C-alpha atoms as a PDB file:
ATOM      1  CA  MET A   1      -0.071   0.037   0.051  1.00  0.00           C
ATOM      2  CA  ILE A   2       2.702   2.641   0.852  1.00  0.00           C
ATOM      3  CA  THR A   3       4.795   1.630  -2.006  1.00  0.00           C
ATOM      4  CA  ARG A   4       1.818   2.278  -4.350  1.00  0.00           C
ATOM      5  CA  GLU A   5       1.165   5.629  -2.766  1.00  0.00           C
ATOM      6  CA  LEU A   6       4.947   6.298  -3.352  1.00  0.00           C
ATOM      7  CA  ILE A   7       5.054   5.692  -6.904  1.00  0.00           C
ATOM      8  CA  THR A   8       2.658   8.194  -8.350  1.00  0.00           C
ATOM      9  CA  PRO A   9       4.302  11.435  -6.487  1.00  0.00           C
ATOM     10  CA  LEU A  10       7.719  10.107  -7.606  1.00  0.00           C
ATOM     11  CA  ALA A  11       6.716  10.072 -11.140  1.00  0.00           C
ATOM     12  CA  ILE A  12       5.195  13.340 -11.136  1.00  0.00           C
ATOM     13  CA  GLY A  13       7.979  14.944  -9.403  1.00  0.00           C
ATOM     14  CA  LEU A  14      10.611  13.565 -11.652  1.00  0.00           C
ATOM     15  CA  PHE A  15       8.481  14.534 -14.831  1.00  0.00           C
ATOM     16  CA  LEU A  16       8.008  18.154 -13.735  1.00  0.00           C
ATOM     17  CA  PHE A  17      11.317  18.830 -12.736  1.00  0.00           C
ATOM     18  CA  LEU A  18      12.810  17.275 -15.748  1.00  0.00           C
ATOM     19  CA  VAL A  19      10.520  19.325 -17.797  1.00  0.00           C
ATOM     20  CA  MET A  20      11.716  22.530 -15.986  1.00  0.00           C
ATOM     21  CA  LEU A  21      15.276  21.937 -16.094  1.00  0.00           C
ATOM     22  CA  VAL A  22      15.335  20.954 -19.851  1.00  0.00           C
ATOM     23  CA  GLY A  23      13.169  23.531 -20.679  1.00  0.00           C
ATOM     24  CA  ASN A  24      15.561  25.993 -19.094  1.00  0.00           C
ATOM     25  CA  THR A  25      18.226  24.651 -21.432  1.00  0.00           C
ATOM     26  CA  LEU A  26      15.998  25.383 -24.374  1.00  0.00           C
ATOM     27  CA  TYR A  27      15.322  28.761 -23.119  1.00  0.00           C
ATOM     28  CA  ALA A  28      19.079  29.503 -22.712  1.00  0.00           C
ATOM     29  CA  ILE A  29      19.615  28.784 -26.462  1.00  0.00           C
ATOM     30  CA  LEU A  30      16.181  29.870 -27.945  1.00  0.00           C
ATOM     31  CA  GLU A  31      17.218  33.244 -29.328  1.00  0.00           C
ATOM     32  CA  GLN A  32      20.337  32.048 -31.065  1.00  0.00           C
ATOM     33  CA  LEU A  33      18.444  28.883 -32.185  1.00  0.00           C
ATOM     34  CA  LEU A  34      15.682  31.340 -34.061  1.00  0.00           C
ATOM     35  CA  ARG A  35      18.208  33.996 -35.230  1.00  0.00           C
ATOM     36  CA  GLU A  36      20.874  31.237 -36.721  1.00  0.00           C
ATOM     37  CA  ARG A  37      17.855  28.696 -37.861  1.00  0.00           C
ATOM     38  CA  TRP A  38      19.628  25.852 -36.118  1.00  0.00           C
ATOM     39  CA  PRO A  39      18.537  22.260 -37.571  1.00  0.00           C
ATOM     40  CA  LEU A  40      15.883  20.952 -35.267  1.00  0.00           C
ATOM     41  CA  SER A  41      17.204  17.579 -35.288  1.00  0.00           C
ATOM     42  CA  PHE A  42      20.131  18.658 -33.784  1.00  0.00           C
ATOM     43  CA  VAL A  43      18.356  20.845 -31.088  1.00  0.00           C
ATOM     44  CA  GLY A  44      16.382  17.728 -30.422  1.00  0.00           C
ATOM     45  CA  ARG A  45      19.539  15.759 -29.870  1.00  0.00           C
ATOM     46  CA  LEU A  46      20.889  18.475 -27.514  1.00  0.00           C
ATOM     47  CA  LEU A  47      17.769  18.463 -25.354  1.00  0.00           C
ATOM     48  CA  ILE A  48      17.748  14.674 -24.997  1.00  0.00           C
ATOM     49  CA  LEU A  49      21.399  14.383 -24.316  1.00  0.00           C
ATOM     50  CA  ASN A  50      20.568  16.913 -21.571  1.00  0.00           C
ATOM     51  CA  ILE A  51      17.877  14.766 -19.860  1.00  0.00           C
ATOM     52  CA  PRO A  52      20.578  12.633 -17.843  1.00  0.00           C
ATOM     53  CA  THR A  53      22.117  15.852 -16.506  1.00  0.00           C
ATOM     54  CA  ALA A  54      18.976  17.162 -15.568  1.00  0.00           C
ATOM     55  CA  MET A  55      17.916  13.589 -13.999  1.00  0.00           C
ATOM     56  CA  GLN A  56      20.617  13.744 -11.264  1.00  0.00           C
ATOM     57  CA  LEU A  57      19.443  17.125 -10.153  1.00  0.00           C
ATOM     58  CA  ALA A  58      15.540  16.316 -10.311  1.00  0.00           C
ATOM     59  CA  LEU A  59      16.189  12.991  -8.210  1.00  0.00           C
ATOM     60  CA  PRO A  60      16.715  14.619  -4.895  1.00  0.00           C
ATOM     61  CA  VAL A  61      13.565  16.644  -5.378  1.00  0.00           C
ATOM     62  CA  ALA A  62      11.413  13.684  -6.168  1.00  0.00           C
ATOM     63  CA  CYS A  63      12.961  11.678  -3.180  1.00  0.00           C
ATOM     64  CA  ALA A  64      11.665  14.412  -0.907  1.00  0.00           C
ATOM     65  CA  LEU A  65       8.446  15.093  -2.638  1.00  0.00           C
ATOM     66  CA  ALA A  66       7.333  11.416  -2.882  1.00  0.00           C
ATOM     67  CA  PRO A  67       7.554  10.325   0.808  1.00  0.00           C
ATOM     68  CA  GLY A  68       6.047  13.989   1.921  1.00  0.00           C
ATOM     69  CA  LEU A  69       2.907  13.704  -0.450  1.00  0.00           C
ATOM     70  CA  ALA A  70       2.211  10.158   0.223  1.00  0.00           C
ATOM     71  CA  TRP A  71       2.648  10.204   3.976  1.00  0.00           C
ATOM     72  CA  SER A  72       0.667  13.375   3.889  1.00  0.00           C
ATOM     73  CA  ARG A  73      -2.252  11.427   2.383  1.00  0.00           C
ATOM     74  CA  LEU A  74      -1.860   8.615   4.283  1.00  0.00           C
ATOM     75  CA  THR A  75      -1.965  10.430   7.843  1.00  0.00           C
ATOM     76  CA  ARG A  76      -4.721  12.633   6.731  1.00  0.00           C
ATOM     77  CA  ASP A  77      -6.948   9.512   6.006  1.00  0.00           C
ATOM     78  CA  GLY A  78      -5.949   7.692   9.135  1.00  0.00           C
ATOM     79  CA  GLU A  79      -4.143   4.814   7.455  1.00  0.00           C
ATOM     80  CA  THR A  80      -0.763   5.408   9.406  1.00  0.00           C
ATOM     81  CA  THR A  81      -2.843   5.333  12.510  1.00  0.00           C
ATOM     82  CA  ALA A  82      -4.448   1.970  11.618  1.00  0.00           C
ATOM     83  CA  LEU A  83      -1.029   0.639  10.772  1.00  0.00           C
ATOM     84  CA  ARG A  84       0.207   1.645  14.484  1.00  0.00           C
ATOM     85  CA  ALA A  85      -2.991   0.238  16.005  1.00  0.00           C
ATOM     86  CA  ALA A  86      -1.879  -3.031  14.260  1.00  0.00           C
ATOM     87  CA  GLY A  87       1.248  -3.085  15.796  1.00  0.00           C
ATOM     88  CA  ILE A  88       3.291  -1.806  12.914  1.00  0.00           C
ATOM     89  CA  PRO A  89       5.618   1.258  14.207  1.00  0.00           C
ATOM     90  CA  ILE A  90       6.362   4.264  11.876  1.00  0.00           C
ATOM     91  CA  ILE A  91      10.041   2.974  11.628  1.00  0.00           C
ATOM     92  CA  ARG A  92       8.804  -0.304   9.934  1.00  0.00           C
ATOM     93  CA  GLN A  93       6.207   1.641   7.891  1.00  0.00           C
ATOM     94  CA  ALA A  94       9.160   3.721   6.400  1.00  0.00           C
ATOM     95  CA  THR A  95      10.824   0.622   5.024  1.00  0.00           C
ATOM     96  CA  PRO A  96       9.529   1.208   1.612  1.00  0.00           C
ATOM     97  CA  VAL A  97      10.597   4.694   1.826  1.00  0.00           C
ATOM     98  CA  ILE A  98      14.209   3.884   2.828  1.00  0.00           C
ATOM     99  CA  ALA A  99      14.189   1.441  -0.284  1.00  0.00           C
ATOM    100  CA  LEU A 100      13.173   4.120  -2.497  1.00  0.00           C
ATOM    101  CA  GLY A 101      15.986   6.307  -1.149  1.00  0.00           C
ATOM    102  CA  CYS A 102      18.394   3.427  -1.924  1.00  0.00           C
ATOM    103  CA  ILE A 103      17.251   2.738  -5.221  1.00  0.00           C
ATOM    104  CA  CYS A 104      17.163   6.638  -6.130  1.00  0.00           C
ATOM    105  CA  ALA A 105      20.713   6.769  -4.880  1.00  0.00           C
ATOM    106  CA  LEU A 106      21.789   3.962  -6.727  1.00  0.00           C
ATOM    107  CA  VAL A 107      20.308   5.472  -9.979  1.00  0.00           C
ATOM    108  CA  ALA A 108      21.967   8.858  -9.349  1.00  0.00           C
ATOM    109  CA  SER A 109      25.132   7.100  -8.784  1.00  0.00           C
ATOM    110  CA  THR A 110      25.006   5.298 -12.107  1.00  0.00           C
ATOM    111  CA  LEU A 111      24.008   8.477 -13.829  1.00  0.00           C
ATOM    112  CA  THR A 112      26.966  10.475 -12.144  1.00  0.00           C
ATOM    113  CA  GLU A 113      29.728   8.158 -12.899  1.00  0.00           C
ATOM    114  CA  ARG A 114      28.760   6.332 -16.029  1.00  0.00           C
ATOM    115  CA  ILE A 115      25.900   8.078 -18.101  1.00  0.00           C
ATOM    116  CA  VAL A 116      26.247  11.954 -17.606  1.00  0.00           C
ATOM    117  CA  PRO A 117      30.152  11.982 -18.516  1.00  0.00           C
ATOM    118  CA  ARG A 118      29.186  10.362 -21.867  1.00  0.00           C
ATOM    119  CA  THR A 119      25.959  12.235 -22.565  1.00  0.00           C
ATOM    120  CA  TRP A 120      27.605  15.550 -21.346  1.00  0.00           C
ATOM    121  CA  ALA A 121      30.529  14.988 -23.961  1.00  0.00           C
ATOM    122  CA  ALA A 122      28.086  14.168 -26.787  1.00  0.00           C
ATOM    123  CA  GLN A 123      25.987  17.286 -25.719  1.00  0.00           C
ATOM    124  CA  THR A 124      29.241  19.479 -25.948  1.00  0.00           C
ATOM    125  CA  ASN A 125      29.942  17.946 -29.504  1.00  0.00           C
ATOM    126  CA  VAL A 126      26.485  18.861 -30.558  1.00  0.00           C
ATOM    127  CA  GLU A 127      26.887  22.457 -29.107  1.00  0.00           C
ATOM    128  CA  GLY A 128      30.406  22.819 -30.805  1.00  0.00           C
ATOM    129  CA  TRP A 129      28.784  21.845 -34.360  1.00  0.00           C
ATOM    130  CA  LEU A 130      25.884  24.525 -33.638  1.00  0.00           C
ATOM    131  CA  THR A 131      28.551  27.127 -32.791  1.00  0.00           C
ATOM    132  CA  ALA A 132      30.103  26.353 -36.041  1.00  0.00           C
ATOM    133  CA  LEU A 133      33.547  25.041 -35.378  1.00  0.00           C
ATOM    134  CA  PRO A 134      35.762  25.084 -38.445  1.00  0.00           C
ATOM    135  CA  SER A 135      35.063  22.689 -41.160  1.00  0.00           C
ATOM    136  CA  THR A 136      38.244  22.915 -42.786  1.00  0.00           C
ATOM    137  CA  THR A 137      41.866  21.334 -42.079  1.00  0.00           C
ATOM    138  CA  ILE A 138      44.107  23.508 -40.292  1.00  0.00           C
ATOM    139  CA  ASP A 139      47.615  22.496 -41.391  1.00  0.00           C
ATOM    140  CA  ARG A 140      49.854  25.142 -39.863  1.00  0.00           C
ATOM    141  CA  SER A 141      51.431  25.480 -36.400  1.00  0.00           C
ATOM    142  CA  LEU A 142      49.793  27.634 -33.982  1.00  0.00           C
ATOM    143  CA  THR A 143      50.405  29.225 -30.408  1.00  0.00           C
ATOM    144  CA  PHE A 144      47.670  30.131 -28.028  1.00  0.00           C
ATOM    145  CA  ASN A 145      48.055  32.008 -25.100  1.00  0.00           C
ATOM    146  CA  VAL A 146      45.904  32.270 -21.658  1.00  0.00           C
ATOM    147  CA  SER A 147      47.640  33.344 -18.612  1.00  0.00           C
ATOM    148  CA  PRO A 148      49.554  31.661 -17.065  1.00  0.00           C
ATOM    149  CA  ILE A 149      49.534  29.073 -19.794  1.00  0.00           C
ATOM    150  CA  THR A 150      51.119  28.849 -23.419  1.00  0.00           C
ATOM    151  CA  LEU A 151      50.089  26.099 -25.772  1.00  0.00           C
ATOM    152  CA  SER A 152      51.689  25.499 -28.953  1.00  0.00           C
ATOM    153  CA  TRP A 153      51.980  22.730 -31.662  1.00  0.00           C
ATOM    154  CA  TRP A 154      53.469  22.114 -34.986  1.00  0.00           C
ATOM    155  CA  LYS A 155      50.296  21.026 -37.284  1.00  0.00           C
ATOM    156  CA  THR A 156      46.677  19.807 -36.920  1.00  0.00           C
ATOM    157  CA  ARG A 157      44.466  17.169 -38.529  1.00  0.00           C
ATOM    158  CA  LYS A 158      40.496  17.423 -38.186  1.00  0.00           C
ATOM    159  CA  LEU A 159      39.003  14.275 -36.969  1.00  0.00           C
ATOM    160  CA  ASP A 160      35.549  15.210 -37.283  1.00  0.00           C
ATOM    161  CA  ARG A 161      33.391  18.242 -36.926  1.00  0.00           C
ATOM    162  CA  THR A 162      34.468  18.866 -33.076  1.00  0.00           C
ATOM    163  CA  ALA A 163      37.698  16.850 -32.649  1.00  0.00           C
ATOM    164  CA  PHE A 164      41.121  17.774 -33.681  1.00  0.00           C
ATOM    165  CA  LYS A 165      44.535  15.884 -33.536  1.00  0.00           C
ATOM    166  CA  MET A 166      47.815  17.956 -33.008  1.00  0.00           C
ATOM    167  CA  GLU A 167      51.430  16.848 -33.175  1.00  0.00           C
ATOM    168  CA  GLN A 168      54.410  17.943 -31.218  1.00  0.00           C
ATOM    169  CA  VAL A 169      52.603  19.716 -28.483  1.00  0.00           C
ATOM    170  CA  THR A 170      54.226  21.898 -25.975  1.00  0.00           C
ATOM    171  CA  VAL A 171      52.354  23.307 -22.883  1.00  0.00           C
ATOM    172  CA  LEU A 172      54.275  26.053 -20.671  1.00  0.00           C
ATOM    173  CA  ASP A 173      52.523  26.640 -17.341  1.00  0.00           C
ATOM    174  CA  ARG A 174      54.241  29.614 -15.747  1.00  0.00           C
ATOM    175  CA  GLY A 175      52.494  29.022 -12.369  1.00  0.00           C
ATOM    176  CA  THR A 176      51.021  31.878 -10.236  1.00  0.00           C
ATOM    177  CA  ASP A 177      52.324  34.076  -7.806  1.00  0.00           C
ATOM    178  CA  GLY A 178      55.981  33.274  -8.890  1.00  0.00           C
ATOM    179  CA  GLY A 179      55.711  29.812  -8.140  1.00  0.00           C
ATOM    180  CA  SER A 180      57.292  26.566  -9.929  1.00  0.00           C
ATOM    181  CA  ALA A 181      56.539  26.435 -13.835  1.00  0.00           C
ATOM    182  CA  ARG A 182      55.927  23.301 -15.545  1.00  0.00           C
ATOM    183  CA  ILE A 183      56.504  22.251 -19.239  1.00  0.00           C
ATOM    184  CA  THR A 184      54.629  19.510 -20.849  1.00  0.00           C
ATOM    185  CA  ILE A 185      55.677  17.863 -24.020  1.00  0.00           C
ATOM    186  CA  ALA A 186      53.465  15.551 -25.883  1.00  0.00           C
ATOM    187  CA  PRO A 187      54.074  13.868 -29.294  1.00  0.00           C
ATOM    188  CA  THR A 188      50.246  13.919 -30.144  1.00  0.00           C
ATOM    189  CA  ALA A 189      47.278  15.479 -28.496  1.00  0.00           C
ATOM    190  CA  GLU A 190      43.374  15.601 -29.221  1.00  0.00           C
ATOM    191  CA  TYR A 191      41.063  18.579 -28.593  1.00  0.00           C
ATOM    192  CA  ARG A 192      37.663  17.477 -27.875  1.00  0.00           C
ATOM    193  CA  ASN A 193      34.838  18.657 -25.867  1.00  0.00           C
ATOM    194  CA  SER A 194      36.861  21.651 -24.554  1.00  0.00           C
ATOM    195  CA  THR A 195      39.568  19.442 -23.415  1.00  0.00           C
ATOM    196  CA  TRP A 196      43.121  18.557 -24.617  1.00  0.00           C
ATOM    197  CA  ILE A 197      44.185  15.196 -24.026  1.00  0.00           C
ATOM    198  CA  LEU A 198      47.880  15.027 -24.200  1.00  0.00           C
ATOM    199  CA  ASN A 199      49.261  11.550 -25.014  1.00  0.00           C
ATOM    200  CA  ASP A 200      52.293  10.014 -23.779  1.00  0.00           C
ATOM    201  CA  ALA A 201      53.219  13.286 -22.171  1.00  0.00           C
ATOM    202  CA  SER A 202      56.603  14.235 -20.439  1.00  0.00           C
ATOM    203  CA  ILE A 203      56.418  16.760 -17.648  1.00  0.00           C
ATOM    204  CA  HIS A 204      59.234  19.004 -16.228  1.00  0.00           C
ATOM    205  CA  ALA A 205      58.833  21.057 -13.005  1.00  0.00           C
ATOM    206  CA  LEU A 206      61.124  24.020 -13.002  1.00  0.00           C
ATOM    207  CA  ASP A 207      62.034  26.313 -10.177  1.00  0.00           C
ATOM    208  CA  ARG A 208      62.516  30.185 -10.475  1.00  0.00           C
ATOM    209  CA  ASN A 209      66.070  29.742 -11.792  1.00  0.00           C
ATOM    210  CA  GLY A 210      65.058  27.230 -14.363  1.00  0.00           C
ATOM    211  CA  ARG A 211      66.329  24.086 -12.536  1.00  0.00           C
ATOM    212  CA  THR A 212      64.394  21.031 -12.742  1.00  0.00           C
ATOM    213  CA  ILE A 213      62.606  20.024  -9.532  1.00  0.00           C
ATOM    214  CA  TRP A 214      61.163  16.894 -10.915  1.00  0.00           C
ATOM    215  CA  ASP A 215      60.189  14.814 -14.017  1.00  0.00           C
ATOM    216  CA  ALA A 216      57.064  12.575 -14.642  1.00  0.00           C
ATOM    217  CA  HIS A 217      55.398  10.866 -17.488  1.00  0.00           C
ATOM    218  CA  ALA A 218      51.694  10.478 -18.061  1.00  0.00           C
ATOM    219  CA  ASP A 219      50.054   8.058 -20.819  1.00  0.00           C
ATOM    220  CA  ARG A 220      47.002  10.502 -20.882  1.00  0.00           C
ATOM    221  CA  GLN A 221      46.858  14.020 -19.390  1.00  0.00           C
ATOM    222  CA  LEU A 222      43.965  16.256 -19.530  1.00  0.00           C
ATOM    223  CA  LEU A 223      43.950  20.097 -19.816  1.00  0.00           C
ATOM    224  CA  ALA A 224      40.843  22.078 -19.812  1.00  0.00           C
ATOM    225  CA  LEU A 225      40.908  25.213 -22.234  1.00  0.00           C
ATOM    226  CA  ASN A 226      38.219  26.265 -24.561  1.00  0.00           C
ATOM    227  CA  ALA A 227      39.936  26.742 -28.297  1.00  0.00           C
ATOM    228  CA  ASP A 228      38.423  29.251 -30.878  1.00  0.00           C
ATOM    229  CA  PHE A 229      40.337  28.181 -33.953  1.00  0.00           C
ATOM    230  CA  GLN A 230      38.735  30.827 -35.996  1.00  0.00           C
ATOM    231  CA  SER A 231      39.950  33.563 -33.892  1.00  0.00           C
ATOM    232  CA  GLY A 232      43.199  32.050 -32.735  1.00  0.00           C
ATOM    233  CA  VAL A 233      42.401  32.250 -28.898  1.00  0.00           C
ATOM    234  CA  ILE A 234      41.872  29.808 -26.033  1.00  0.00           C
ATOM    235  CA  THR A 235      40.148  30.703 -22.726  1.00  0.00           C
ATOM    236  CA  SER A 236      40.200  29.098 -19.809  1.00  0.00           C
ATOM    237  CA  GLY A 237      37.075  27.084 -18.272  1.00  0.00           C
ATOM    238  CA  GLY A 238      34.845  24.596 -19.698  1.00  0.00           C
ATOM    239  CA  GLU A 239      35.817  21.858 -17.231  1.00  0.00           C
ATOM    240  CA  GLN A 240      32.281  21.270 -15.488  1.00  0.00           C
ATOM    241  CA  LEU A 241      33.885  18.920 -13.140  1.00  0.00           C
ATOM    242  CA  GLN A 242      30.533  17.716 -11.789  1.00  0.00           C
ATOM    243  CA  ASN A 243      29.725  16.267 -15.083  1.00  0.00           C
ATOM    244  CA  ARG A 244      33.024  14.368 -15.576  1.00  0.00           C
ATOM    245  CA  SER A 245      33.802  10.796 -14.391  1.00  0.00           C
ATOM    246  CA  ARG A 246      35.879  10.133 -11.457  1.00  0.00           C
ATOM    247  CA  ALA A 247      38.816   8.713 -13.828  1.00  0.00           C
ATOM    248  CA  ASP A 248      39.068  11.861 -15.754  1.00  0.00           C
ATOM    249  CA  ILE A 249      39.195  13.744 -12.188  1.00  0.00           C
ATOM    250  CA  GLU A 250      41.738  11.337 -11.046  1.00  0.00           C
ATOM    251  CA  ALA A 251      43.649  11.898 -13.959  1.00  0.00           C
ATOM    252  CA  MET A 252      43.772  15.577 -13.697  1.00  0.00           C
ATOM    253  CA  LEU A 253      44.678  15.232  -9.904  1.00  0.00           C
ATOM    254  CA  ARG A 254      47.457  12.915 -10.309  1.00  0.00           C
ATOM    255  CA  PHE A 255      49.689  15.696 -12.261  1.00  0.00           C
ATOM    256  CA  SER A 256      48.467  18.653 -10.550  1.00  0.00           C
ATOM    257  CA  ALA A 257      51.094  20.439  -8.401  1.00  0.00           C
ATOM    258  CA  ASP A 258      49.113  23.498  -7.417  1.00  0.00           C
ATOM    259  CA  PRO A 259      47.589  23.081  -3.903  1.00  0.00           C
ATOM    260  CA  GLN A 260      44.467  25.072  -4.901  1.00  0.00           C
ATOM    261  CA  ARG A 261      43.980  23.286  -7.980  1.00  0.00           C
ATOM    262  CA  LYS A 262      44.273  20.051  -6.022  1.00  0.00           C
ATOM    263  CA  ARG A 263      41.772  21.181  -3.448  1.00  0.00           C
ATOM    264  CA  GLU A 264      39.472  21.727  -6.348  1.00  0.00           C
ATOM    265  CA  LEU A 265      39.797  18.324  -7.671  1.00  0.00           C
ATOM    266  CA  GLU A 266      39.716  16.477  -4.513  1.00  0.00           C
ATOM    267  CA  THR A 267      36.418  18.666  -3.543  1.00  0.00           C
ATOM    268  CA  ALA A 268      34.935  17.570  -7.032  1.00  0.00           C
ATOM    269  CA  LEU A 269      35.788  13.948  -6.411  1.00  0.00           C
ATOM    270  CA  GLN A 270      34.172  13.924  -3.020  1.00  0.00           C
ATOM    271  CA  SER A 271      30.951  15.415  -4.332  1.00  0.00           C
ATOM    272  CA  LYS A 272      30.553  12.468  -6.670  1.00  0.00           C
ATOM    273  CA  PRO A 273      28.838  10.650  -4.074  1.00  0.00           C
ATOM    274  CA  ALA A 274      27.226  13.352  -2.147  1.00  0.00           C
ATOM    275  CA  ILE A 275      24.204  13.911  -4.354  1.00  0.00           C
ATOM    276  CA  PRO A 276      23.338  10.027  -4.059  1.00  0.00           C
ATOM    277  CA  LEU A 277      23.705   9.768  -0.536  1.00  0.00           C
ATOM    278  CA  ILE A 278      21.641  13.013  -0.071  1.00  0.00           C
ATOM    279  CA  CYS A 279      18.641  10.976  -1.822  1.00  0.00           C
ATOM    280  CA  ILE A 280      18.598   8.710   1.211  1.00  0.00           C
ATOM    281  CA  GLY A 281      18.522  11.426   3.696  1.00  0.00           C
ATOM    282  CA  LEU A 282      15.627  13.446   1.990  1.00  0.00           C
ATOM    283  CA  ALA A 283      13.591  10.390   1.710  1.00  0.00           C
ATOM    284  CA  LEU A 284      13.972   9.720   5.220  1.00  0.00           C
ATOM    285  CA  CYS A 285      13.135  13.465   6.124  1.00  0.00           C
ATOM    286  CA  GLY A 286      10.045  13.505   4.203  1.00  0.00           C
ATOM    287  CA  ILE A 287       8.098  11.357   6.708  1.00  0.00           C
ATOM    288  CA  PRO A 288       8.404  13.537   9.697  1.00  0.00           C
ATOM    289  CA  LEU A 289       7.781  16.480   7.595  1.00  0.00           C
ATOM    290  CA  ALA A 290       4.580  15.138   6.320  1.00  0.00           C
ATOM    291  CA  ILE A 291       3.582  14.270   9.843  1.00  0.00           C
ATOM    292  CA  ARG A 292       4.147  17.901  11.077  1.00  0.00           C
ATOM    293  CA  THR A 293       2.275  19.398   7.932  1.00  0.00           C
ATOM    294  CA  ARG A 294      -0.479  16.913   7.695  1.00  0.00           C
ATOM    295  CA  ASN A 295      -3.269  19.472   8.828  1.00  0.00           C
ATOM    296  CA  GLN A 296      -2.141  22.033   6.298  1.00  0.00           C
ATOM    297  CA  GLY A 297      -2.578  19.653   3.223  1.00  0.00           C
ATOM    298  CA  PRO A 298      -0.393  18.703   0.550  1.00  0.00           C
ATOM    299  CA  PHE A 299       0.618  22.030  -0.468  1.00  0.00           C
ATOM    300  CA  ALA A 300       2.560  22.216   2.806  1.00  0.00           C
ATOM    301  CA  ALA A 301       4.228  19.042   2.120  1.00  0.00           C
ATOM    302  CA  VAL A 302       5.392  20.253  -1.179  1.00  0.00           C
ATOM    303  CA  VAL A 303       6.721  23.688  -0.006  1.00  0.00           C
ATOM    304  CA  GLY A 304       8.418  21.711   3.054  1.00  0.00           C
ATOM    305  CA  ALA A 305       9.972  19.259   0.694  1.00  0.00           C
ATOM    306  CA  LEU A 306      11.212  21.936  -1.680  1.00  0.00           C
ATOM    307  CA  ALA A 307      12.724  23.984   1.287  1.00  0.00           C
ATOM    308  CA  LEU A 308      14.459  20.768   2.617  1.00  0.00           C
ATOM    309  CA  VAL A 309      16.007  20.245  -0.827  1.00  0.00           C
ATOM    310  CA  ALA A 310      17.074  23.836  -1.167  1.00  0.00           C
ATOM    311  CA  ALA A 311      18.737  23.971   2.317  1.00  0.00           C
ATOM    312  CA  SER A 312      20.528  20.543   1.384  1.00  0.00           C
ATOM    313  CA  GLN A 313      22.022  21.893  -1.705  1.00  0.00           C
ATOM    314  CA  LEU A 314      23.063  25.065   0.072  1.00  0.00           C
ATOM    315  CA  GLY A 315      24.752  23.141   2.624  1.00  0.00           C
ATOM    316  CA  LEU A 316      26.500  21.047   0.013  1.00  0.00           C
ATOM    317  CA  PHE A 317      27.697  24.280  -1.719  1.00  0.00           C
ATOM    318  CA  ILE A 318      28.921  26.028   1.450  1.00  0.00           C
ATOM    319  CA  LEU A 319      30.972  22.723   2.244  1.00  0.00           C
ATOM    320  CA  GLN A 320      32.346  22.528  -1.175  1.00  0.00           C
ATOM    321  CA  THR A 321      33.370  26.177  -0.825  1.00  0.00           C
ATOM    322  CA  LEU A 322      34.942  25.525   2.480  1.00  0.00           C
ATOM    323  CA  SER A 323      36.709  22.502   1.089  1.00  0.00           C
ATOM    324  CA  ILE A 324      38.352  24.356  -1.742  1.00  0.00           C
ATOM    325  CA  ARG A 325      39.490  26.967   0.501  1.00  0.00           C
ATOM    326  CA  GLY A 326      41.018  24.294   2.732  1.00  0.00           C
ATOM    327  CA  ILE A 327      39.221  25.016   5.892  1.00  0.00           C
ATOM    328  CA  ILE A 328      37.670  21.577   6.246  1.00  0.00           C
ATOM    329  CA  PRO A 329      38.648  17.974   4.599  1.00  0.00           C
ATOM    330  CA  SER A 330      37.142  17.288   1.536  1.00  0.00           C
ATOM    331  CA  ILE A 331      35.678  13.963   2.725  1.00  0.00           C
ATOM    332  CA  LEU A 332      33.156  16.082   4.854  1.00  0.00           C
ATOM    333  CA  VAL A 333      31.505  17.120   1.441  1.00  0.00           C
ATOM    334  CA  ALA A 334      30.471  13.552   0.707  1.00  0.00           C
ATOM    335  CA  THR A 335      29.361  12.522   4.248  1.00  0.00           C
ATOM    336  CA  LEU A 336      28.234  15.376   6.073  1.00  0.00           C
ATOM    337  CA  PRO A 337      25.032  16.714   4.218  1.00  0.00           C
ATOM    338  CA  SER A 338      23.733  13.067   3.817  1.00  0.00           C
ATOM    339  CA  GLY A 339      24.742  12.321   7.532  1.00  0.00           C
ATOM    340  CA  ILE A 340      22.758  15.069   8.956  1.00  0.00           C
ATOM    341  CA  LEU A 341      19.824  14.300   7.053  1.00  0.00           C
ATOM    342  CA  VAL A 342      19.823  10.761   7.841  1.00  0.00           C
ATOM    343  CA  VAL A 343      20.115  11.432  11.347  1.00  0.00           C
ATOM    344  CA  ALA A 344      17.502  14.336  11.388  1.00  0.00           C
ATOM    345  CA  GLY A 345      15.007  11.973   9.414  1.00  0.00           C
ATOM    346  CA  ILE A 346      15.543   9.117  12.189  1.00  0.00           C
ATOM    347  CA  ILE A 347      15.106  11.565  15.002  1.00  0.00           C
ATOM    348  CA  GLY A 348      11.947  12.940  13.461  1.00  0.00           C
ATOM    349  CA  ILE A 349      10.371   9.469  12.956  1.00  0.00           C
ATOM    350  CA  ARG A 350      11.097   8.385  16.638  1.00  0.00           C
ATOM    351  CA  ARG A 351       9.683  11.513  18.087  1.00  0.00           C
ATOM    352  CA  ALA A 352       6.454  10.880  15.871  1.00  0.00           C
ATOM    353  CA  GLU A 353       6.041   7.706  17.356  1.00  0.00           C
END
């Protein structure tokens, strides 16, 4: 009975927030779409590829809404009271809710690690095509600068509409605040999805006097820099670490010498399990929240669930900021938000007994 009551609000919550998030993506490109008359087939692919990214954001909301709405109705109809009179305590009644949270956590984890990195890469490819990356082969050497990085190579071969292969690539990272510099040399590299993939790279760290501090070798090193081949400039950014796989983030972390950069990557790595674990905590907190707002009706349950989701996301953002600044260990980003929600949910259910 309780499981059946959970399915409908879960489906409705997922559908509504998916429509809202994907619609927000469409709204962001709508003006350019109409002005440049983009092919509808590519726009459709762009929106479909955006669904997994939106899904991982909609799952926590659905996890909070489903128990809240289901328990609000069951409580108002007296069904939970009847179950308690039959000797079934609320904590046992909550078993389907815990199972729901665990299933949503598993789905969110699969999306975050296996599906979103691939669909985001494909989505970036479509965006690159729509924004007209060059369609001709570039056969001359180029040098790009974006402080503190200078990137140069000998010649370029176009692989497809959004991917390029370079030969004899050299990356000079002068560092910041007068710190050590690094020279990375790779016989070949590929540019795809705003990311440079340097193959068989040799890395040399230099002190201020130009002496070698250490040397390293990487079969595959990633560098996130947006390239505009038409104007001959690159810009920093385009990483979107939340959409990258653990393997990519670990590859960046392995050869990162800057402490600030290391903290950013470690925080991104610990943030990967944060959303899935938060789903379990939100599902548990939905029950005491619904019991407290049962006299105000389902609207109060919806508002309370959304406020709970907003508070959890704000707390996660604050912890990420503190971790990047080195104030707290990065492991707290993964464990603290979900831990607080789970404890609060259990205490709320115990008090409602």
